[in-house]
PDB file of N, CA and C in Angstrom:
ATOM      1  N   UNK A   1     -10.304  35.191 -29.274  1.00  0.00           N
ATOM      2  CA  UNK A   1     -10.283  33.979 -29.493  1.00  0.00           C
ATOM      3  C   UNK A   1      -9.247  33.711 -30.638  1.00  0.00           C
ATOM      4  N   UNK A   2      -8.992  34.691 -31.629  1.00  0.00           N
ATOM      5  CA  UNK A   2      -8.004  34.638 -32.641  1.00  0.00           C
ATOM      6  C   UNK A   2      -6.728  34.553 -31.788  1.00  0.00           C
ATOM      7  N   UNK A   3      -6.579  35.516 -30.854  1.00  0.00           N
ATOM      8  CA  UNK A   3      -5.207  35.580 -30.325  1.00  0.00           C
ATOM      9  C   UNK A   3      -4.847  34.509 -29.425  1.00  0.00           C
ATOM     10  N   UNK A   4      -5.725  33.774 -28.794  1.00  0.00           N
ATOM     11  CA  UNK A   4      -5.513  32.628 -28.078  1.00  0.00           C
ATOM     12  C   UNK A   4      -5.184  31.608 -28.851  1.00  0.00           C
ATOM     13  N   UNK A   5      -5.926  31.425 -29.889  1.00  0.00           N
ATOM     14  CA  UNK A   5      -5.620  30.276 -31.057  1.00  0.00           C
ATOM     15  C   UNK A   5      -4.096  30.338 -31.621  1.00  0.00           C
ATOM     16  N   UNK A   6      -3.732  31.670 -31.802  1.00  0.00           N
ATOM     17  CA  UNK A   6      -2.656  31.902 -32.519  1.00  0.00           C
ATOM     18  C   UNK A   6      -1.564  31.581 -31.406  1.00  0.00           C
ATOM     19  N   UNK A   7      -1.858  32.094 -30.290  1.00  0.00           N
ATOM     20  CA  UNK A   7      -0.709  31.567 -29.141  1.00  0.00           C
ATOM     21  C   UNK A   7      -0.720  30.295 -28.802  1.00  0.00           C
ATOM     22  N   UNK A   8      -1.544  29.624 -28.686  1.00  0.00           N
ATOM     23  CA  UNK A   8      -1.780  28.115 -28.538  1.00  0.00           C
ATOM     24  C   UNK A   8      -0.986  27.332 -29.717  1.00  0.00           C
ATOM     25  N   UNK A   9      -1.156  27.866 -30.935  1.00  0.00           N
ATOM     26  CA  UNK A   9      -0.494  27.207 -32.099  1.00  0.00           C
ATOM     27  C   UNK A   9       1.111  27.411 -32.084  1.00  0.00           C
ATOM     28  N   UNK A  10       1.489  28.701 -31.572  1.00  0.00           N
ATOM     29  CA  UNK A  10       2.940  28.995 -31.284  1.00  0.00           C
ATOM     30  C   UNK A  10       3.504  28.108 -30.469  1.00  0.00           C
ATOM     31  N   UNK A  11       2.930  28.036 -29.264  1.00  0.00           N
ATOM     32  CA  UNK A  11       3.458  27.053 -28.251  1.00  0.00           C
ATOM     33  C   UNK A  11       3.406  25.718 -28.475  1.00  0.00           C
ATOM     34  N   UNK A  12       2.478  25.159 -29.369  1.00  0.00           N
ATOM     35  CA  UNK A  12       2.540  23.784 -29.670  1.00  0.00           C
ATOM     36  C   UNK A  12       3.678  23.539 -30.889  1.00  0.00           C
ATOM     37  N   UNK A  13       3.824  24.581 -31.601  1.00  0.00           N
ATOM     38  CA  UNK A  13       4.929  24.408 -32.545  1.00  0.00           C
ATOM     39  C   UNK A  13       6.365  24.494 -32.291  1.00  0.00           C
ATOM     40  N   UNK A  14       6.587  24.902 -30.896  1.00  0.00           N
ATOM     41  CA  UNK A  14       7.858  25.130 -30.595  1.00  0.00           C
ATOM     42  C   UNK A  14       8.414  23.853 -29.740  1.00  0.00           C
ATOM     43  N   UNK A  15       7.472  22.891 -29.639  1.00  0.00           N
ATOM     44  CA  UNK A  15       7.806  21.591 -29.094  1.00  0.00           C
ATOM     45  C   UNK A  15       8.277  21.579 -27.556  1.00  0.00           C
ATOM     46  N   UNK A  16       7.938  22.481 -26.837  1.00  0.00           N
ATOM     47  CA  UNK A  16       8.197  22.695 -25.497  1.00  0.00           C
ATOM     48  C   UNK A  16       7.760  21.605 -24.626  1.00  0.00           C
ATOM     49  N   UNK A  17       6.290  21.312 -24.745  1.00  0.00           N
ATOM     50  CA  UNK A  17       5.666  20.160 -24.119  1.00  0.00           C
ATOM     51  C   UNK A  17       5.507  18.815 -24.950  1.00  0.00           C
ATOM     52  N   UNK A  18       6.460  18.607 -25.686  1.00  0.00           N
ATOM     53  CA  UNK A  18       6.611  17.437 -26.424  1.00  0.00           C
ATOM     54  C   UNK A  18       7.821  16.580 -26.112  1.00  0.00           C
ATOM     55  N   UNK A  19       8.383  16.614 -24.872  1.00  0.00           N
ATOM     56  CA  UNK A  19       9.580  15.886 -24.525  1.00  0.00           C
ATOM     57  C   UNK A  19       9.021  14.569 -23.930  1.00  0.00           C
ATOM     58  N   UNK A  20       9.577  13.482 -24.661  1.00  0.00           N
ATOM     59  CA  UNK A  20       9.313  12.085 -24.028  1.00  0.00           C
ATOM     60  C   UNK A  20      10.238  11.852 -23.022  1.00  0.00           C
ATOM     61  N   UNK A  21       9.678  11.116 -21.965  1.00  0.00           N
ATOM     62  CA  UNK A  21      10.496  10.553 -21.017  1.00  0.00           C
ATOM     63  C   UNK A  21      10.182   9.060 -20.896  1.00  0.00           C
ATOM     64  N   UNK A  22      11.173   8.374 -20.955  1.00  0.00           N
ATOM     65  CA  UNK A  22      11.316   6.847 -20.974  1.00  0.00           C
ATOM     66  C   UNK A  22      12.045   6.492 -19.652  1.00  0.00           C
ATOM     67  N   UNK A  23      11.322   5.807 -18.914  1.00  0.00           N
ATOM     68  CA  UNK A  23      11.859   5.202 -17.630  1.00  0.00           C
ATOM     69  C   UNK A  23      11.342   3.912 -17.137  1.00  0.00           C
ATOM     70  N   UNK A  24      12.076   3.122 -16.375  1.00  0.00           N
ATOM     71  CA  UNK A  24      11.627   1.822 -16.019  1.00  0.00           C
ATOM     72  C   UNK A  24      12.431   1.674 -14.462  1.00  0.00           C
ATOM     73  N   UNK A  25      11.238   1.034 -13.725  1.00  0.00           N
ATOM     74  CA  UNK A  25      11.642   0.673 -12.266  1.00  0.00           C
ATOM     75  C   UNK A  25      11.393  -0.791 -11.973  1.00  0.00           C
ATOM     76  N   UNK A  26      12.529  -1.348 -11.643  1.00  0.00           N
ATOM     77  CA  UNK A  26      12.305  -2.858 -11.276  1.00  0.00           C
ATOM     78  C   UNK A  26      12.335  -2.897  -9.638  1.00  0.00           C
ATOM     79  N   UNK A  27      11.101  -3.440  -9.181  1.00  0.00           N
ATOM     80  CA  UNK A  27      10.796  -3.417  -7.864  1.00  0.00           C
ATOM     81  C   UNK A  27      10.526  -4.722  -7.423  1.00  0.00           C
ATOM     82  N   UNK A  28      11.605  -5.233  -6.439  1.00  0.00           N
ATOM     83  CA  UNK A  28      11.680  -6.665  -5.935  1.00  0.00           C
ATOM     84  C   UNK A  28      11.455  -6.607  -4.269  1.00  0.00           C
ATOM     85  N   UNK A  29      10.781  -7.515  -3.671  1.00  0.00           N
ATOM     86  CA  UNK A  29      10.678  -7.417  -2.428  1.00  0.00           C
ATOM     87  C   UNK A  29      12.127  -8.109  -1.710  1.00  0.00           C
ATOM     88  N   UNK A  30      12.355  -7.533  -0.788  1.00  0.00           N
ATOM     89  CA  UNK A  30      13.824  -8.004  -0.296  1.00  0.00           C
ATOM     90  C   UNK A  30      13.357  -9.201   0.760  1.00  0.00           C
ATOM     91  N   UNK A  31      12.552  -9.070   1.362  1.00  0.00           N
ATOM     92  CA  UNK A  31      11.971 -10.131   2.510  1.00  0.00           C
ATOM     93  C   UNK A  31      10.547 -10.230   2.094  1.00  0.00           C
ATOM     94  N   UNK A  32      10.098 -11.410   2.195  1.00  0.00           N
ATOM     95  CA  UNK A  32       8.415 -11.612   1.873  1.00  0.00           C
ATOM     96  C   UNK A  32       7.538 -11.507   3.405  1.00  0.00           C
ATOM     97  N   UNK A  33       8.325 -11.617   4.389  1.00  0.00           N
ATOM     98  CA  UNK A  33       7.579 -11.780   5.510  1.00  0.00           C
ATOM     99  C   UNK A  33       8.425 -11.007   6.864  1.00  0.00           C
ATOM    100  N   UNK A  34       7.676 -10.425   7.709  1.00  0.00           N
ATOM    101  CA  UNK A  34       8.306  -9.707   8.771  1.00  0.00           C
ATOM    102  C   UNK A  34       7.698 -10.116   9.926  1.00  0.00           C
ATOM    103  N   UNK A  35       8.395 -10.202  11.204  1.00  0.00           N
ATOM    104  CA  UNK A  35       7.602 -10.257  12.642  1.00  0.00           C
ATOM    105  C   UNK A  35       7.624  -9.207  13.075  1.00  0.00           C
ATOM    106  N   UNK A  36       6.398  -8.637  13.612  1.00  0.00           N
ATOM    107  CA  UNK A  36       6.056  -7.228  14.239  1.00  0.00           C
ATOM    108  C   UNK A  36       5.077  -7.484  15.466  1.00  0.00           C
ATOM    109  N   UNK A  37       5.343  -6.640  16.350  1.00  0.00           N
ATOM    110  CA  UNK A  37       4.658  -6.409  17.391  1.00  0.00           C
ATOM    111  C   UNK A  37       4.563  -5.192  17.890  1.00  0.00           C
ATOM    112  N   UNK A  38       3.522  -4.848  18.694  1.00  0.00           N
ATOM    113  CA  UNK A  38       3.494  -3.404  19.160  1.00  0.00           C
ATOM    114  C   UNK A  38       2.427  -3.246  20.359  1.00  0.00           C
ATOM    115  N   UNK A  39       2.148  -2.089  20.751  1.00  0.00           N
ATOM    116  CA  UNK A  39       1.523  -1.778  21.945  1.00  0.00           C
ATOM    117  C   UNK A  39       0.832  -0.420  21.829  1.00  0.00           C
ATOM    118  N   UNK A  40      -0.260  -0.062  22.614  1.00  0.00           N
ATOM    119  CA  UNK A  40      -1.007   1.260  22.765  1.00  0.00           C
ATOM    120  C   UNK A  40      -1.159   1.214  24.290  1.00  0.00           C
ATOM    121  N   UNK A  41      -0.640   2.387  24.861  1.00  0.00           N
ATOM    122  CA  UNK A  41      -0.689   2.619  26.199  1.00  0.00           C
ATOM    123  C   UNK A  41      -1.390   3.907  26.533  1.00  0.00           C
ATOM    124  N   UNK A  42      -2.670   3.734  27.285  1.00  0.00           N
ATOM    125  CA  UNK A  42      -3.224   5.149  27.406  1.00  0.00           C
ATOM    126  C   UNK A  42      -2.717   5.419  28.687  1.00  0.00           C
ATOM    127  N   UNK A  43      -2.154   6.566  29.047  1.00  0.00           N
ATOM    128  CA  UNK A  43      -1.455   7.327  30.202  1.00  0.00           C
ATOM    129  C   UNK A  43      -2.880   7.796  30.909  1.00  0.00           C
ATOM    130  N   UNK A  44      -3.688   8.633  30.081  1.00  0.00           N
ATOM    131  CA  UNK A  44      -4.790   9.107  30.748  1.00  0.00           C
ATOM    132  C   UNK A  44      -5.689   9.631  29.606  1.00  0.00           C
ATOM    133  N   UNK A  45      -6.805  10.339  29.838  1.00  0.00           N
ATOM    134  CA  UNK A  45      -7.746  10.690  28.696  1.00  0.00           C
ATOM    135  C   UNK A  45      -7.523  11.436  27.615  1.00  0.00           C
ATOM    136  N   UNK A  46      -6.163  12.226  27.946  1.00  0.00           N
ATOM    137  CA  UNK A  46      -5.619  12.882  26.614  1.00  0.00           C
ATOM    138  C   UNK A  46      -4.421  12.390  26.043  1.00  0.00           C
ATOM    139  N   UNK A  47      -3.693  11.548  26.847  1.00  0.00           N
ATOM    140  CA  UNK A  47      -2.274  11.031  26.380  1.00  0.00           C
ATOM    141  C   UNK A  47      -2.245   9.723  25.876  1.00  0.00           C
ATOM    142  N   UNK A  48      -1.711   9.086  25.108  1.00  0.00           N
ATOM    143  CA  UNK A  48      -1.460   7.628  24.725  1.00  0.00           C
ATOM    144  C   UNK A  48      -0.034   7.577  24.130  1.00  0.00           C
ATOM    145  N   UNK A  49       0.433   6.460  24.532  1.00  0.00           N
ATOM    146  CA  UNK A  49       1.908   6.230  24.237  1.00  0.00           C
ATOM    147  C   UNK A  49       1.778   4.863  23.223  1.00  0.00           C
ATOM    148  N   UNK A  50       2.187   4.979  21.865  1.00  0.00           N
ATOM    149  CA  UNK A  50       2.439   4.058  21.047  1.00  0.00           C
ATOM    150  C   UNK A  50       3.588   3.454  20.686  1.00  0.00           C
ATOM    151  N   UNK A  51       3.978   2.133  20.500  1.00  0.00           N
ATOM    152  CA  UNK A  51       5.217   1.706  19.996  1.00  0.00           C
ATOM    153  C   UNK A  51       5.099   0.385  19.126  1.00  0.00           C
ATOM    154  N   UNK A  52       5.976   0.218  18.155  1.00  0.00           N
ATOM    155  CA  UNK A  52       5.884  -0.884  17.304  1.00  0.00           C
ATOM    156  C   UNK A  52       7.349  -1.351  16.862  1.00  0.00           C
ATOM    157  N   UNK A  53       7.562  -2.584  16.829  1.00  0.00           N
ATOM    158  CA  UNK A  53       8.978  -3.354  16.519  1.00  0.00           C
ATOM    159  C   UNK A  53       8.871  -4.317  15.488  1.00  0.00           C
ATOM    160  N   UNK A  54       9.659  -4.153  14.519  1.00  0.00           N
ATOM    161  CA  UNK A  54       9.705  -5.091  13.700  1.00  0.00           C
ATOM    162  C   UNK A  54      10.865  -5.874  13.196  1.00  0.00           C
ATOM    163  N   UNK A  55      11.130  -7.254  12.940  1.00  0.00           N
ATOM    164  CA  UNK A  55      12.044  -7.855  12.790  1.00  0.00           C
ATOM    165  C   UNK A  55      12.141  -8.609  11.432  1.00  0.00           C
ATOM    166  N   UNK A  56      13.361  -8.516  10.565  1.00  0.00           N
ATOM    167  CA  UNK A  56      13.139  -9.570   9.526  1.00  0.00           C
ATOM    168  C   UNK A  56      14.455  -9.926   9.227  1.00  0.00           C
ATOM    169  N   UNK A  57      14.911 -10.758   8.504  1.00  0.00           N
ATOM    170  CA  UNK A  57      16.194 -11.369   8.065  1.00  0.00           C
ATOM    171  C   UNK A  57      17.263  -9.948   7.677  1.00  0.00           C
ATOM    172  N   UNK A  58      16.795  -8.985   6.924  1.00  0.00           N
ATOM    173  CA  UNK A  58      17.479  -7.731   6.321  1.00  0.00           C
ATOM    174  C   UNK A  58      17.408  -6.628   7.152  1.00  0.00           C
ATOM    175  N   UNK A  59      16.488  -6.483   7.822  1.00  0.00           N
ATOM    176  CA  UNK A  59      16.242  -5.075   8.702  1.00  0.00           C
ATOM    177  C   UNK A  59      15.472  -5.279   9.717  1.00  0.00           C
ATOM    178  N   UNK A  60      15.742  -4.067  10.629  1.00  0.00           N
ATOM    179  CA  UNK A  60      14.785  -3.931  11.776  1.00  0.00           C
ATOM    180  C   UNK A  60      14.460  -2.698  12.060  1.00  0.00           C
ATOM    181  N   UNK A  61      13.201  -2.459  12.723  1.00  0.00           N
ATOM    182  CA  UNK A  61      12.745  -1.035  12.769  1.00  0.00           C
ATOM    183  C   UNK A  61      11.985  -0.760  14.020  1.00  0.00           C
ATOM    184  N   UNK A  62      11.985   0.262  14.335  1.00  0.00           N
ATOM    185  CA  UNK A  62      11.158   0.817  15.800  1.00  0.00           C
ATOM    186  C   UNK A  62      10.454   2.046  15.402  1.00  0.00           C
ATOM    187  N   UNK A  63       9.117   2.004  15.932  1.00  0.00           N
ATOM    188  CA  UNK A  63       8.174   3.012  15.589  1.00  0.00           C
ATOM    189  C   UNK A  63       7.827   3.596  16.845  1.00  0.00           C
ATOM    190  N   UNK A  64       7.575   4.703  17.264  1.00  0.00           N
ATOM    191  CA  UNK A  64       6.944   5.050  18.373  1.00  0.00           C
ATOM    192  C   UNK A  64       6.175   6.443  18.414  1.00  0.00           C
ATOM    193  N   UNK A  65       5.325   6.787  19.164  1.00  0.00           N
ATOM    194  CA  UNK A  65       4.518   7.744  19.008  1.00  0.00           C
ATOM    195  C   UNK A  65       3.869   8.058  20.237  1.00  0.00           C
ATOM    196  N   UNK A  66       3.657   9.545  20.390  1.00  0.00           N
ATOM    197  CA  UNK A  66       2.925  10.029  21.434  1.00  0.00           C
ATOM    198  C   UNK A  66       1.787  10.853  20.797  1.00  0.00           C
ATOM    199  N   UNK A  67       0.429  10.422  21.353  1.00  0.00           N
ATOM    200  CA  UNK A  67      -0.594  11.080  20.870  1.00  0.00           C
ATOM    201  C   UNK A  67      -1.305  11.960  21.910  1.00  0.00           C
ATOM    202  N   UNK A  68      -1.787  13.054  21.564  1.00  0.00           N
ATOM    203  CA  UNK A  68      -2.480  13.980  22.608  1.00  0.00           C
ATOM    204  C   UNK A  68      -4.140  14.149  22.059  1.00  0.00           C
ATOM    205  N   UNK A  69      -5.219  13.849  22.734  1.00  0.00           N
ATOM    206  CA  UNK A  69      -6.540  14.366  22.592  1.00  0.00           C
ATOM    207  C   UNK A  69      -6.997  15.526  23.013  1.00  0.00           C
ATOM    208  N   UNK A  70      -7.413  16.584  22.315  1.00  0.00           N
ATOM    209  CA  UNK A  70      -7.938  17.555  22.716  1.00  0.00           C
ATOM    210  C   UNK A  70      -9.410  17.412  23.499  1.00  0.00           C
ATOM    211  N   UNK A  71      -9.512  17.937  24.523  1.00  0.00           N
ATOM    212  CA  UNK A  71     -10.766  17.645  25.423  1.00  0.00           C
ATOM    213  C   UNK A  71     -11.865  18.524  24.768  1.00  0.00           C
ATOM    214  N   UNK A  72     -13.067  17.609  24.604  1.00  0.00           N
ATOM    215  CA  UNK A  72     -14.299  18.385  24.178  1.00  0.00           C
ATOM    216  C   UNK A  72     -15.424  18.417  25.314  1.00  0.00           C
ATOM    217  N   UNK A  73     -15.440  19.428  25.648  1.00  0.00           N
ATOM    218  CA  UNK A  73     -16.524  19.510  26.998  1.00  0.00           C
ATOM    219  C   UNK A  73     -17.702  19.201  26.665  1.00  0.00           C
ATOM    220  N   UNK A  74     -18.424  18.321  27.521  1.00  0.00           N
ATOM    221  CA  UNK A  74     -19.925  18.012  27.247  1.00  0.00           C
ATOM    222  C   UNK A  74     -20.936  19.241  27.781  1.00  0.00           C
TER     223      UNK A  74
END
C-alpha cells in the first residue's frame, strides 16, 4: 500500500492528468423541416428491400437497404 500511495503521489505531482481542455461547439439547424418518403418491399420470407428519399431546400438524400432474415425452423 505504501508503494501504491507513493506511486499515485508521484503521478499526481507531475501534472500529466491535469491538462485543461476548453472547447465550444455552436450547432444550428440548417433546415427546420424536410420532406421524406420511403418504402419496404418484402420479396419473400427471407429478403426485404427498403428505401427512403428525403428533400429539403439545402440537401437531398437517398437511403437504401437489403435485409435478410435467417430462417428458424419450427
